Amino acid sequence: MTANPKITLEQWRALLAVVDEGGYAQAAEVLHKSQSAVTYAVQKLESMLGVKAFEIQGRKAILTPTGQLLYRRARVLLQEAGELEDTARAVSSGWEAEIGIAADVVFPSWLMVDCLARFGAESPHTRIEMYESVLSGTAELLLQGRVQIAIASSVPVGFLGDSLMRMRFIAAAHPDHPLHRLGRPLTMRDLRAHRHLVVRDTGAKRSSRTVSIEAEQRWTLSHMSTSIQAARMGYGFAWYPEYRIVDEMAAGTLKPLPLKEGAERYAELYLIIADPEAAGPGTRRLAQILREAVAEGCDAHRTTGSPAPQKVVPAASTGRAAGSAPVKKRPVKK
């Protein structure tokens, strides 16, 4: 007993070409085949499925309702087949199927998204597993082998890291906060009497560095955006990355605290590749993109004297449209 013959991608490709190009002769030219070969491929497909993809109206052949359905499904099938071929080529060339990256929440999120978009344009089939971590949470992800790249404020023992950027932090609170009403330079004793808004360390063994002062009141929050919102509403103070509160300071909802000492703090962020010797080409390329993007941002900062502005990329500029117009009946020349 012989197996039933299977419809090939070439037959589906012939159907699409006949419709898209407007005729068998035009399709044959695009596919670099003879017209008789294209005609045979379409007729064979119809015979194997037991349907008619085209009907004759006058001297023209147009898609039947069944043909329109086949056309839409064939387009999806060939697109998926093309993506599978691209993935196979990427894997065979050594690009990783997935890359894990951890970044401390103080690293600009817009910059990270921009870097991932650049990398995605070069390796669209590499999945990215992104972790936004705080303090020791970044080191834990490295030690657990869950990420290949990390951006952290310190380099864990056993790893090597390169300085990526220096970040400025500013102690701030709402202009009407009681600390601002004192009308004089503030001391640590003044701060301890008011609520400190802390972002929670994401590590299982939380670092003592999370709390920089022993305030009588403290809110420990999971997200920096929540801390900023609480400060804007007058519920406490904290040190924030300068770029994160530029808009709030400009709008007058947050104001730097006039500390005698320590009003500004600086943190060094390091780029760490978990295993430089075993890193794949995708990991190395993503690390390079991060270095380049930070260098560009620092150049902009030196030129303007202010933090680099956030970038907004229209969603329509990348990716495919969510839907497409229905297939119209198009005349096909026999």
Protein backbone atom coordinates (compact mmCIF):
# COMPACT_ATOMS: atom_id res chain seq x y z
CA MET A 1 0.00 0.00 0.00
CA THR A 2 1.39 3.39 -0.98
CA ALA A 3 1.02 6.45 1.22
CA ASN A 4 -1.20 9.29 0.05
CA PRO A 5 0.87 12.05 -1.62
CA LYS A 6 1.33 15.22 0.40
CA ILE A 7 0.81 18.75 -0.82
CA THR A 8 4.14 20.49 -1.01
CA LEU A 9 5.12 24.03 -0.10
CA GLU A 10 5.97 24.57 -3.76
CA GLN A 11 2.35 23.91 -4.72
CA TRP A 12 1.10 26.40 -2.13
CA ARG A 13 3.74 28.86 -3.30
CA ALA A 14 2.49 28.48 -6.88
CA LEU A 15 -1.11 29.24 -5.81
CA LEU A 16 -0.03 32.41 -4.00
CA ALA A 17 2.13 33.57 -6.88
CA VAL A 18 -0.67 33.14 -9.43
CA VAL A 19 -2.99 35.30 -7.31
CA ASP A 20 -0.41 37.89 -6.24
CA GLU A 21 1.09 38.34 -9.71
CA GLY A 22 -2.24 38.28 -11.54
CA GLY A 23 -1.69 35.29 -13.82
CA TYR A 24 0.15 32.06 -14.56
CA ALA A 25 2.69 33.63 -16.91
CA GLN A 26 3.60 36.32 -14.39
CA ALA A 27 3.81 33.75 -11.58
CA ALA A 28 6.08 31.56 -13.68
CA GLU A 29 8.44 34.48 -14.20
CA VAL A 30 8.61 35.28 -10.48
CA LEU A 31 9.07 31.63 -9.49
CA HIS A 32 11.61 31.02 -12.27
CA LYS A 33 9.56 28.10 -13.58
CA SER A 34 7.77 27.34 -16.83
CA GLN A 35 4.14 28.36 -17.12
CA SER A 36 3.14 24.74 -17.62
CA ALA A 37 4.90 23.77 -14.36
CA VAL A 38 3.01 26.44 -12.41
CA THR A 39 -0.31 25.44 -14.00
CA TYR A 40 0.33 21.80 -13.18
CA ALA A 41 1.23 22.61 -9.56
CA VAL A 42 -2.04 24.50 -9.01
CA GLN A 43 -4.15 21.86 -10.77
CA LYS A 44 -2.44 19.11 -8.77
CA LEU A 45 -3.23 20.95 -5.54
CA GLU A 46 -6.89 21.28 -6.55
CA SER A 47 -7.03 17.60 -7.47
CA MET A 48 -5.48 16.42 -4.21
CA LEU A 49 -7.84 18.56 -2.12
CA GLY A 50 -10.87 17.84 -4.28
CA VAL A 51 -11.75 21.54 -4.60
CA LYS A 52 -11.69 24.28 -7.22
CA ALA A 53 -9.50 27.24 -6.30
CA PHE A 54 -10.43 29.21 -9.43
CA GLU A 55 -13.54 29.67 -11.54
CA ILE A 56 -13.82 31.10 -15.04
CA GLN A 57 -15.78 34.31 -15.48
CA GLY A 58 -15.68 35.41 -19.09
CA ARG A 59 -12.08 35.07 -20.18
CA LYS A 60 -10.70 35.46 -16.65
CA ALA A 61 -10.18 33.08 -13.73
CA ILE A 62 -10.93 34.37 -10.24
CA LEU A 63 -10.66 32.83 -6.81
CA THR A 64 -13.68 30.89 -5.62
CA PRO A 65 -14.77 31.33 -1.96
CA THR A 66 -12.86 28.13 -1.24
CA GLY A 67 -9.90 29.49 -3.16
CA GLN A 68 -9.93 32.64 -1.04
CA LEU A 69 -9.80 30.51 2.12
CA LEU A 70 -6.93 28.46 0.71
CA TYR A 71 -5.11 31.63 -0.29
CA ARG A 72 -5.30 33.08 3.25
CA ARG A 73 -4.22 29.84 4.90
CA ALA A 74 -1.43 29.30 2.39
CA ARG A 75 -0.04 32.75 3.10
CA VAL A 76 0.11 32.00 6.83
CA LEU A 77 1.63 28.57 6.17
CA LEU A 78 4.39 29.94 3.95
CA GLN A 79 5.13 32.77 6.37
CA GLU A 80 5.52 30.30 9.26
CA ALA A 81 7.68 28.05 7.08
CA GLY A 82 9.91 31.02 6.26
CA GLU A 83 10.23 31.92 9.94
CA LEU A 84 11.14 28.32 10.74
CA GLU A 85 13.86 28.38 8.11
CA ASP A 86 15.20 31.66 9.52
CA THR A 87 15.26 30.17 13.02
CA ALA A 88 17.08 27.07 11.80
CA ARG A 89 19.69 29.20 10.05
CA ALA A 90 20.14 31.34 13.18
CA VAL A 91 20.59 28.27 15.39
CA SER A 92 22.98 26.64 12.93
CA SER A 93 25.09 29.80 12.88
CA GLY A 94 25.45 29.63 16.67
CA TRP A 95 23.01 32.35 17.81
CA GLU A 96 21.33 31.41 21.07
CA ALA A 97 17.65 30.47 21.14
CA GLU A 98 17.22 32.39 24.43
CA ILE A 99 19.22 34.93 26.42
CA GLY A 100 18.55 35.89 30.04
CA ILE A 101 19.42 39.38 31.24
CA ALA A 102 19.04 40.97 34.67
CA ALA A 103 19.21 44.72 35.20
CA ASP A 104 18.97 46.65 38.43
CA VAL A 105 15.83 48.78 38.42
CA VAL A 106 17.91 51.95 38.52
CA PHE A 107 19.10 51.26 34.95
CA PRO A 108 16.95 53.33 32.55
CA SER A 109 14.13 51.07 31.33
CA TRP A 110 13.67 53.03 28.10
CA LEU A 111 17.33 52.49 27.28
CA MET A 112 17.04 48.76 27.93
CA VAL A 113 13.97 48.47 25.70
CA ASP A 114 15.77 50.39 22.97
CA CYS A 115 18.74 48.00 23.19
CA LEU A 116 16.48 44.95 23.07
CA ALA A 117 14.77 46.40 20.00
CA ARG A 118 18.12 46.88 18.27
CA PHE A 119 19.12 43.32 19.11
CA GLY A 120 15.73 42.00 18.00
CA ALA A 121 16.19 43.56 14.59
CA GLU A 122 19.40 41.54 14.18
CA SER A 123 18.24 38.30 15.80
CA PRO A 124 14.41 38.26 15.81
CA HIS A 125 14.22 34.58 16.74
CA THR A 126 16.26 34.83 19.93
CA ARG A 127 13.93 35.00 22.91
CA ILE A 128 14.81 37.43 25.71
CA GLU A 129 14.12 36.64 29.35
CA MET A 130 14.35 39.99 31.17
CA TYR A 131 14.57 40.36 34.96
CA GLU A 132 14.26 43.73 36.71
CA SER A 133 16.04 43.23 40.01
CA VAL A 134 17.12 45.18 43.08
CA LEU A 135 20.53 44.93 44.78
CA SER A 136 21.34 41.31 45.74
CA GLY A 137 18.59 39.97 43.46
CA THR A 138 20.84 40.62 40.48
CA ALA A 139 23.73 38.66 41.99
CA GLU A 140 21.43 35.76 42.81
CA LEU A 141 20.26 35.48 39.22
CA LEU A 142 23.90 35.28 38.11
CA LEU A 143 24.82 32.71 40.74
CA GLN A 144 21.77 30.59 39.85
CA GLY A 145 22.80 30.58 36.18
CA ARG A 146 19.48 32.07 35.09
CA VAL A 147 20.99 34.98 33.15
CA GLN A 148 23.89 35.41 30.77
CA ILE A 149 24.13 39.19 31.20
CA ALA A 150 23.62 41.39 34.26
CA ILE A 151 23.74 45.10 35.00
CA ALA A 152 24.41 45.57 38.70
CA SER A 153 25.75 48.08 41.19
CA SER A 154 28.39 45.59 42.37
CA VAL A 155 30.20 42.61 40.87
CA PRO A 156 29.57 39.36 42.77
CA VAL A 157 32.53 37.27 43.87
CA GLY A 158 33.58 34.93 41.09
CA PHE A 159 32.48 37.20 38.24
CA LEU A 160 34.11 39.96 36.22
CA GLY A 161 32.41 43.18 35.22
CA ASP A 162 33.15 46.33 33.25
CA SER A 163 32.09 49.78 34.39
CA LEU A 164 29.06 50.72 32.31
CA MET A 165 27.85 54.04 33.70
CA ARG A 166 27.88 56.28 36.75
CA MET A 167 24.45 57.22 38.06
CA ARG A 168 23.53 60.21 40.18
CA PHE A 169 20.92 59.91 42.97
CA ILE A 170 19.10 62.83 44.57
CA ALA A 171 17.32 62.91 47.94
CA ALA A 172 13.87 64.36 47.26
CA ALA A 173 10.42 64.89 48.75
CA HIS A 174 7.30 66.87 47.96
CA PRO A 175 7.83 70.66 48.30
CA ASP A 176 5.27 70.75 51.14
CA HIS A 177 6.89 67.90 53.04
CA PRO A 178 7.76 68.81 56.68
CA LEU A 179 11.47 68.40 55.91
CA HIS A 180 11.29 71.30 53.46
CA ARG A 181 9.43 73.44 55.99
CA LEU A 182 12.34 73.35 58.40
CA GLY A 183 13.97 76.06 56.31
CA ARG A 184 17.54 75.01 57.01
CA PRO A 185 20.14 72.46 55.91
CA LEU A 186 19.04 69.00 57.02
CA THR A 187 20.94 66.42 59.03
CA MET A 188 20.59 62.64 59.21
CA ARG A 189 18.81 63.15 62.51
CA ASP A 190 16.15 65.19 60.71
CA LEU A 191 15.66 62.39 58.15
CA ARG A 192 15.33 59.70 60.80
CA ALA A 193 12.22 61.43 62.16
CA HIS A 194 10.34 61.01 58.86
CA ARG A 195 9.18 58.20 56.61
CA HIS A 196 11.79 56.67 54.31
CA LEU A 197 10.41 55.12 51.09
CA VAL A 198 12.53 52.03 50.35
CA VAL A 199 12.45 49.77 47.30
CA ARG A 200 12.57 46.11 48.34
CA ASP A 201 15.69 44.05 47.66
CA THR A 202 14.61 41.22 45.32
CA GLY A 203 17.21 38.80 46.63
CA ALA A 204 16.19 35.94 48.92
CA LYS A 205 18.96 37.03 51.30
CA ARG A 206 18.26 40.73 51.31
CA SER A 207 21.19 43.07 51.54
CA SER A 208 21.52 45.45 54.47
CA ARG A 209 22.48 48.11 51.91
CA THR A 210 18.79 48.41 50.99
CA VAL A 211 18.22 50.65 54.02
CA SER A 212 20.66 53.54 54.06
CA ILE A 213 19.33 55.16 57.24
CA GLU A 214 17.49 53.83 60.26
CA ALA A 215 14.35 55.96 60.02
CA GLU A 216 11.63 55.65 62.64
CA GLN A 217 9.08 55.18 59.86
CA ARG A 218 9.61 53.17 56.69
CA TRP A 219 7.58 51.92 53.77
CA THR A 220 9.22 49.08 51.84
CA LEU A 221 7.79 48.96 48.34
CA SER A 222 8.25 46.61 45.40
CA HIS A 223 8.55 49.17 42.62
CA MET A 224 10.42 52.44 42.31
CA SER A 225 7.45 53.98 40.49
CA THR A 226 5.33 53.34 43.61
CA SER A 227 7.97 54.98 45.79
CA ILE A 228 8.04 58.03 43.50
CA GLN A 229 4.25 58.22 43.55
CA ALA A 230 4.21 58.09 47.37
CA ALA A 231 6.83 60.86 47.52
CA ARG A 232 4.85 62.99 45.07
CA MET A 233 1.83 62.64 47.38
CA GLY A 234 3.88 63.85 50.35
CA TYR A 235 4.14 60.53 52.20
CA GLY A 236 7.91 60.33 52.53
CA PHE A 237 11.35 60.86 51.00
CA ALA A 238 14.00 58.79 49.25
CA TRP A 239 17.09 58.97 47.06
CA TYR A 240 16.12 58.53 43.41
CA PRO A 241 18.09 58.24 40.16
CA GLU A 242 18.14 61.76 38.76
CA TYR A 243 16.71 60.73 35.39
CA ARG A 244 13.69 59.11 37.06
CA ILE A 245 12.47 62.31 38.71
CA VAL A 246 13.41 64.97 36.14
CA ASP A 247 9.76 65.48 35.15
CA GLU A 248 8.59 65.58 38.78
CA MET A 249 11.20 68.20 39.69
CA ALA A 250 10.30 70.27 36.63
CA ALA A 251 6.59 70.04 37.50
CA GLY A 252 7.26 70.98 41.13
CA THR A 253 5.86 67.77 42.61
CA LEU A 254 9.27 66.74 43.96
CA LYS A 255 12.05 68.95 45.29
CA PRO A 256 15.64 68.05 46.28
CA LEU A 257 16.16 67.97 50.03
CA PRO A 258 18.71 70.55 51.34
CA LEU A 259 20.93 68.09 53.20
CA LYS A 260 24.11 69.32 54.83
CA GLU A 261 25.82 66.19 53.54
CA GLY A 262 24.76 63.37 51.26
CA ALA A 263 22.08 65.18 49.22
CA GLU A 264 23.64 63.57 46.17
CA ARG A 265 24.88 60.01 45.86
CA TYR A 266 26.54 58.19 43.02
CA ALA A 267 26.41 54.54 42.05
CA GLU A 268 28.55 52.73 39.53
CA LEU A 269 26.73 50.25 37.33
CA TYR A 270 28.67 47.30 35.91
CA LEU A 271 28.03 45.16 32.87
CA ILE A 272 28.66 41.53 33.77
CA ILE A 273 28.78 38.58 31.36
CA ALA A 274 28.21 35.42 33.37
CA ASP A 275 30.73 33.30 31.46
CA PRO A 276 32.73 35.38 28.96
CA GLU A 277 34.58 32.39 27.52
CA ALA A 278 31.40 30.38 26.86
CA ALA A 279 29.22 33.34 25.82
CA GLY A 280 27.49 32.85 22.48
CA PRO A 281 27.46 35.41 19.67
CA GLY A 282 24.02 36.70 20.70
CA THR A 283 25.14 37.36 24.28
CA ARG A 284 28.27 39.13 23.09
CA ARG A 285 26.32 41.21 20.57
CA LEU A 286 23.68 42.26 23.11
CA ALA A 287 26.42 43.30 25.54
CA GLN A 288 28.03 45.35 22.77
CA ILE A 289 24.72 47.06 21.99
CA LEU A 290 24.29 47.96 25.67
CA ARG A 291 27.78 49.48 25.82
CA GLU A 292 27.18 51.48 22.63
CA ALA A 293 23.77 52.76 23.77
CA VAL A 294 25.10 53.88 27.15
CA ALA A 295 28.04 55.63 25.48
CA GLU A 296 25.63 57.47 23.18
CA GLY A 297 23.48 58.47 26.16
CA CYS A 298 26.51 59.73 28.09
CA ASP A 299 27.59 61.79 25.07
CA ALA A 300 24.13 63.35 24.95
CA HIS A 301 24.35 64.11 28.67
CA ARG A 302 27.72 65.83 28.28
CA THR A 303 26.40 67.86 25.33
CA THR A 304 23.14 69.04 26.93
CA GLY A 305 24.12 68.93 30.58
CA SER A 306 20.93 67.04 31.45
CA PRO A 307 19.83 63.40 31.59
CA ALA A 308 19.13 61.80 28.23
CA PRO A 309 15.43 62.13 27.37
CA GLN A 310 13.17 59.14 27.15
CA LYS A 311 12.59 57.77 23.68
CA VAL A 312 9.21 56.78 22.34
CA VAL A 313 9.14 54.34 19.43
CA PRO A 314 5.77 53.92 17.69
CA ALA A 315 4.49 50.37 18.08
CA ALA A 316 3.71 50.24 14.39
CA SER A 317 7.36 50.71 13.49
CA THR A 318 8.19 47.12 14.47
CA GLY A 319 6.35 43.87 14.16
CA ARG A 320 3.51 42.81 11.90
CA ALA A 321 0.03 44.25 11.77
CA ALA A 322 -2.52 42.45 13.90
CA GLY A 323 -4.80 41.72 10.98
CA SER A 324 -5.14 42.13 7.26
CA ALA A 325 -7.87 43.04 4.85
CA PRO A 326 -9.98 40.22 3.42
CA VAL A 327 -8.84 38.78 0.12
CA LYS A 328 -10.60 40.35 -2.82
CA LYS A 329 -11.52 38.49 -5.96
CA ARG A 330 -8.72 39.27 -8.34
CA PRO A 331 -8.88 38.41 -12.03
CA VAL A 332 -6.28 35.86 -13.09
CA LYS A 333 -5.19 35.59 -16.67
CA LYS A 334 -5.13 32.06 -18.07
